[in-house]
């Protein structure tokens, strides 16, 4: 089975952003520091923070962000229903263009969930 667009983007993303981080190491370290500070449980769970990030990715219409955060949501056990609601919030805030990207985010989530399933079950 061929990899989806979203899986391909998620696999290419580290090299793409890594180029910027290597070119500006202080910047790269600072951004990684922000991620480490945010991507853990606090008053909000890490999963909740990723759901928020997914909504922001949709509203900002960033395909790399959609790929990264929808994969994280799938990895953290988000449900399809949660993603549908996240997309609806993004559309409320981002308007018509976010409607398209919201539907793409649901597709991305479905692709990441399908990727995690074993090919054969004994």
C-alpha atoms as a PDB file:
ATOM      1  CA  UNK A   1       0.000   0.000   0.000  1.00  0.00           C
ATOM      2  CA  UNK A   2       1.357   3.406  -0.965  1.00  0.00           C
ATOM      3  CA  UNK A   3       1.985   5.905   1.810  1.00  0.00           C
ATOM      4  CA  UNK A   4      -0.457   8.776   2.015  1.00  0.00           C
ATOM      5  CA  UNK A   5       0.529  12.390   1.466  1.00  0.00           C
ATOM      6  CA  UNK A   6       0.245  12.954   5.214  1.00  0.00           C
ATOM      7  CA  UNK A   7       2.500  10.068   6.178  1.00  0.00           C
ATOM      8  CA  UNK A   8       5.066  11.245   3.623  1.00  0.00           C
ATOM      9  CA  UNK A   9       4.983  14.794   5.016  1.00  0.00           C
ATOM     10  CA  UNK A  10       5.444  13.468   8.566  1.00  0.00           C
ATOM     11  CA  UNK A  11       8.473  11.463   7.470  1.00  0.00           C
ATOM     12  CA  UNK A  12      10.038  14.408   5.596  1.00  0.00           C
ATOM     13  CA  UNK A  13       9.376  16.981   8.311  1.00  0.00           C
ATOM     14  CA  UNK A  14      12.399  16.284  10.560  1.00  0.00           C
ATOM     15  CA  UNK A  15      14.833  16.804   7.686  1.00  0.00           C
ATOM     16  CA  UNK A  16      13.035  19.923   6.467  1.00  0.00           C
ATOM     17  CA  UNK A  17      12.951  21.711   9.825  1.00  0.00           C
ATOM     18  CA  UNK A  18      16.311  20.231  10.760  1.00  0.00           C
ATOM     19  CA  UNK A  19      17.891  22.203   7.932  1.00  0.00           C
ATOM     20  CA  UNK A  20      16.669  25.473   9.457  1.00  0.00           C
ATOM     21  CA  UNK A  21      17.702  24.398  12.947  1.00  0.00           C
ATOM     22  CA  UNK A  22      21.201  23.455  11.772  1.00  0.00           C
ATOM     23  CA  UNK A  23      21.515  26.770   9.946  1.00  0.00           C
ATOM     24  CA  UNK A  24      20.445  28.673  13.058  1.00  0.00           C
ATOM     25  CA  UNK A  25      21.495  26.461  15.987  1.00  0.00           C
ATOM     26  CA  UNK A  26      20.558  28.961  18.708  1.00  0.00           C
ATOM     27  CA  UNK A  27      17.114  29.328  17.198  1.00  0.00           C
ATOM     28  CA  UNK A  28      16.767  25.551  16.817  1.00  0.00           C
ATOM     29  CA  UNK A  29      17.720  24.951  20.441  1.00  0.00           C
ATOM     30  CA  UNK A  30      15.275  27.615  21.609  1.00  0.00           C
ATOM     31  CA  UNK A  31      12.407  26.101  19.610  1.00  0.00           C
ATOM     32  CA  UNK A  32      13.191  22.608  20.886  1.00  0.00           C
ATOM     33  CA  UNK A  33      13.219  24.085  24.405  1.00  0.00           C
ATOM     34  CA  UNK A  34       9.738  25.496  23.884  1.00  0.00           C
ATOM     35  CA  UNK A  35       8.515  22.123  22.640  1.00  0.00           C
ATOM     36  CA  UNK A  36       9.993  20.317  25.662  1.00  0.00           C
ATOM     37  CA  UNK A  37       8.390  22.807  28.039  1.00  0.00           C
ATOM     38  CA  UNK A  38       4.957  22.496  26.426  1.00  0.00           C
ATOM     39  CA  UNK A  39       4.810  18.828  25.383  1.00  0.00           C
ATOM     40  CA  UNK A  40       4.171  17.310  28.775  1.00  0.00           C
ATOM     41  CA  UNK A  41       1.288  17.050  31.192  1.00  0.00           C
ATOM     42  CA  UNK A  42       0.555  20.110  33.290  1.00  0.00           C
ATOM     43  CA  UNK A  43      -2.767  21.766  34.069  1.00  0.00           C
ATOM     44  CA  UNK A  44      -3.658  20.484  30.585  1.00  0.00           C
ATOM     45  CA  UNK A  45      -2.709  16.984  29.496  1.00  0.00           C
ATOM     46  CA  UNK A  46      -0.213  16.601  26.668  1.00  0.00           C
ATOM     47  CA  UNK A  47      -3.044  15.064  24.591  1.00  0.00           C
ATOM     48  CA  UNK A  48      -5.231  18.141  25.171  1.00  0.00           C
ATOM     49  CA  UNK A  49      -2.354  20.397  24.139  1.00  0.00           C
ATOM     50  CA  UNK A  50      -1.923  18.405  20.916  1.00  0.00           C
ATOM     51  CA  UNK A  51      -5.660  18.678  20.198  1.00  0.00           C
ATOM     52  CA  UNK A  52      -5.341  22.460  20.606  1.00  0.00           C
ATOM     53  CA  UNK A  53      -2.270  22.469  18.361  1.00  0.00           C
ATOM     54  CA  UNK A  54      -4.214  20.467  15.766  1.00  0.00           C
ATOM     55  CA  UNK A  55      -6.968  23.105  15.752  1.00  0.00           C
ATOM     56  CA  UNK A  56      -4.382  25.858  15.347  1.00  0.00           C
ATOM     57  CA  UNK A  57      -2.677  23.925  12.534  1.00  0.00           C
ATOM     58  CA  UNK A  58      -5.990  23.635  10.690  1.00  0.00           C
ATOM     59  CA  UNK A  59      -6.920  27.288  11.217  1.00  0.00           C
ATOM     60  CA  UNK A  60      -3.477  28.430  10.040  1.00  0.00           C
ATOM     61  CA  UNK A  61      -3.672  26.078   7.017  1.00  0.00           C
ATOM     62  CA  UNK A  62      -0.191  24.637   7.570  1.00  0.00           C
ATOM     63  CA  UNK A  63       0.175  21.186   6.011  1.00  0.00           C
ATOM     64  CA  UNK A  64       3.387  20.391   7.885  1.00  0.00           C
ATOM     65  CA  UNK A  65       1.729  21.406  11.159  1.00  0.00           C
ATOM     66  CA  UNK A  66      -1.386  19.381  10.362  1.00  0.00           C
ATOM     67  CA  UNK A  67       0.746  16.331   9.655  1.00  0.00           C
ATOM     68  CA  UNK A  68       2.860  16.718  12.794  1.00  0.00           C
ATOM     69  CA  UNK A  69       0.025  17.411  15.215  1.00  0.00           C
ATOM     70  CA  UNK A  70      -2.499  14.942  13.791  1.00  0.00           C
ATOM     71  CA  UNK A  71       0.123  12.196  13.990  1.00  0.00           C
ATOM     72  CA  UNK A  72       0.768  13.190  17.603  1.00  0.00           C
ATOM     73  CA  UNK A  73      -2.979  13.074  18.293  1.00  0.00           C
ATOM     74  CA  UNK A  74      -3.193   9.578  16.797  1.00  0.00           C
ATOM     75  CA  UNK A  75      -0.129   8.462  18.780  1.00  0.00           C
ATOM     76  CA  UNK A  76      -1.660   9.848  21.988  1.00  0.00           C
ATOM     77  CA  UNK A  77      -4.902   7.915  21.509  1.00  0.00           C
ATOM     78  CA  UNK A  78      -7.218  10.682  20.349  1.00  0.00           C
ATOM     79  CA  UNK A  79     -10.483   9.469  18.860  1.00  0.00           C
ATOM     80  CA  UNK A  80     -11.874  10.344  15.468  1.00  0.00           C
ATOM     81  CA  UNK A  81     -14.768  12.066  17.232  1.00  0.00           C
ATOM     82  CA  UNK A  82     -12.298  14.300  19.094  1.00  0.00           C
ATOM     83  CA  UNK A  83     -10.605  15.188  15.811  1.00  0.00           C
ATOM     84  CA  UNK A  84     -13.946  16.021  14.191  1.00  0.00           C
ATOM     85  CA  UNK A  85     -14.710  18.402  17.049  1.00  0.00           C
ATOM     86  CA  UNK A  86     -11.218  19.893  16.868  1.00  0.00           C
ATOM     87  CA  UNK A  87     -11.810  20.518  13.152  1.00  0.00           C
ATOM     88  CA  UNK A  88     -15.150  22.179  13.909  1.00  0.00           C
ATOM     89  CA  UNK A  89     -13.492  24.586  16.366  1.00  0.00           C
ATOM     90  CA  UNK A  90     -10.830  25.385  13.775  1.00  0.00           C
ATOM     91  CA  UNK A  91     -13.509  26.133  11.188  1.00  0.00           C
ATOM     92  CA  UNK A  92     -15.358  28.353  13.656  1.00  0.00           C
ATOM     93  CA  UNK A  93     -12.156  30.348  14.166  1.00  0.00           C
ATOM     94  CA  UNK A  94     -10.640  30.088  10.686  1.00  0.00           C
ATOM     95  CA  UNK A  95     -13.656  30.260   8.383  1.00  0.00           C
ATOM     96  CA  UNK A  96     -14.201  28.637   5.016  1.00  0.00           C
ATOM     97  CA  UNK A  97     -10.585  27.821   4.135  1.00  0.00           C
ATOM     98  CA  UNK A  98     -10.273  25.969   7.435  1.00  0.00           C
ATOM     99  CA  UNK A  99     -13.255  23.846   6.405  1.00  0.00           C
ATOM    100  CA  UNK A 100     -11.127  22.352   3.630  1.00  0.00           C
ATOM    101  CA  UNK A 101      -8.072  21.937   5.849  1.00  0.00           C
ATOM    102  CA  UNK A 102     -10.241  20.474   8.615  1.00  0.00           C
ATOM    103  CA  UNK A 103     -11.406  17.756   6.251  1.00  0.00           C
ATOM    104  CA  UNK A 104      -7.798  17.154   5.253  1.00  0.00           C
ATOM    105  CA  UNK A 105      -6.821  16.905   8.925  1.00  0.00           C
ATOM    106  CA  UNK A 106      -9.461  14.229   9.484  1.00  0.00           C
ATOM    107  CA  UNK A 107      -8.025  12.353   6.491  1.00  0.00           C
ATOM    108  CA  UNK A 108      -4.526  12.721   7.924  1.00  0.00           C
ATOM    109  CA  UNK A 109      -5.689  11.405  11.300  1.00  0.00           C
ATOM    110  CA  UNK A 110      -7.361   8.425   9.629  1.00  0.00           C
ATOM    111  CA  UNK A 111      -4.138   7.717   7.711  1.00  0.00           C
ATOM    112  CA  UNK A 112      -2.032   7.809  10.881  1.00  0.00           C
ATOM    113  CA  UNK A 113      -4.444   5.555  12.752  1.00  0.00           C
ATOM    114  CA  UNK A 114      -4.486   3.099   9.842  1.00  0.00           C
ATOM    115  CA  UNK A 115      -0.684   3.138   9.728  1.00  0.00           C
ATOM    116  CA  UNK A 116      -0.549   1.970  13.341  1.00  0.00           C
ATOM    117  CA  UNK A 117      -2.724  -1.105  12.748  1.00  0.00           C
ATOM    118  CA  UNK A 118      -0.957  -4.407  12.122  1.00  0.00           C
ATOM    119  CA  UNK A 119      -1.185  -5.732   8.580  1.00  0.00           C
ATOM    120  CA  UNK A 120      -2.058  -9.251   9.727  1.00  0.00           C
ATOM    121  CA  UNK A 121      -3.606 -10.444  12.934  1.00  0.00           C
ATOM    122  CA  UNK A 122      -2.988 -13.991  14.085  1.00  0.00           C
END
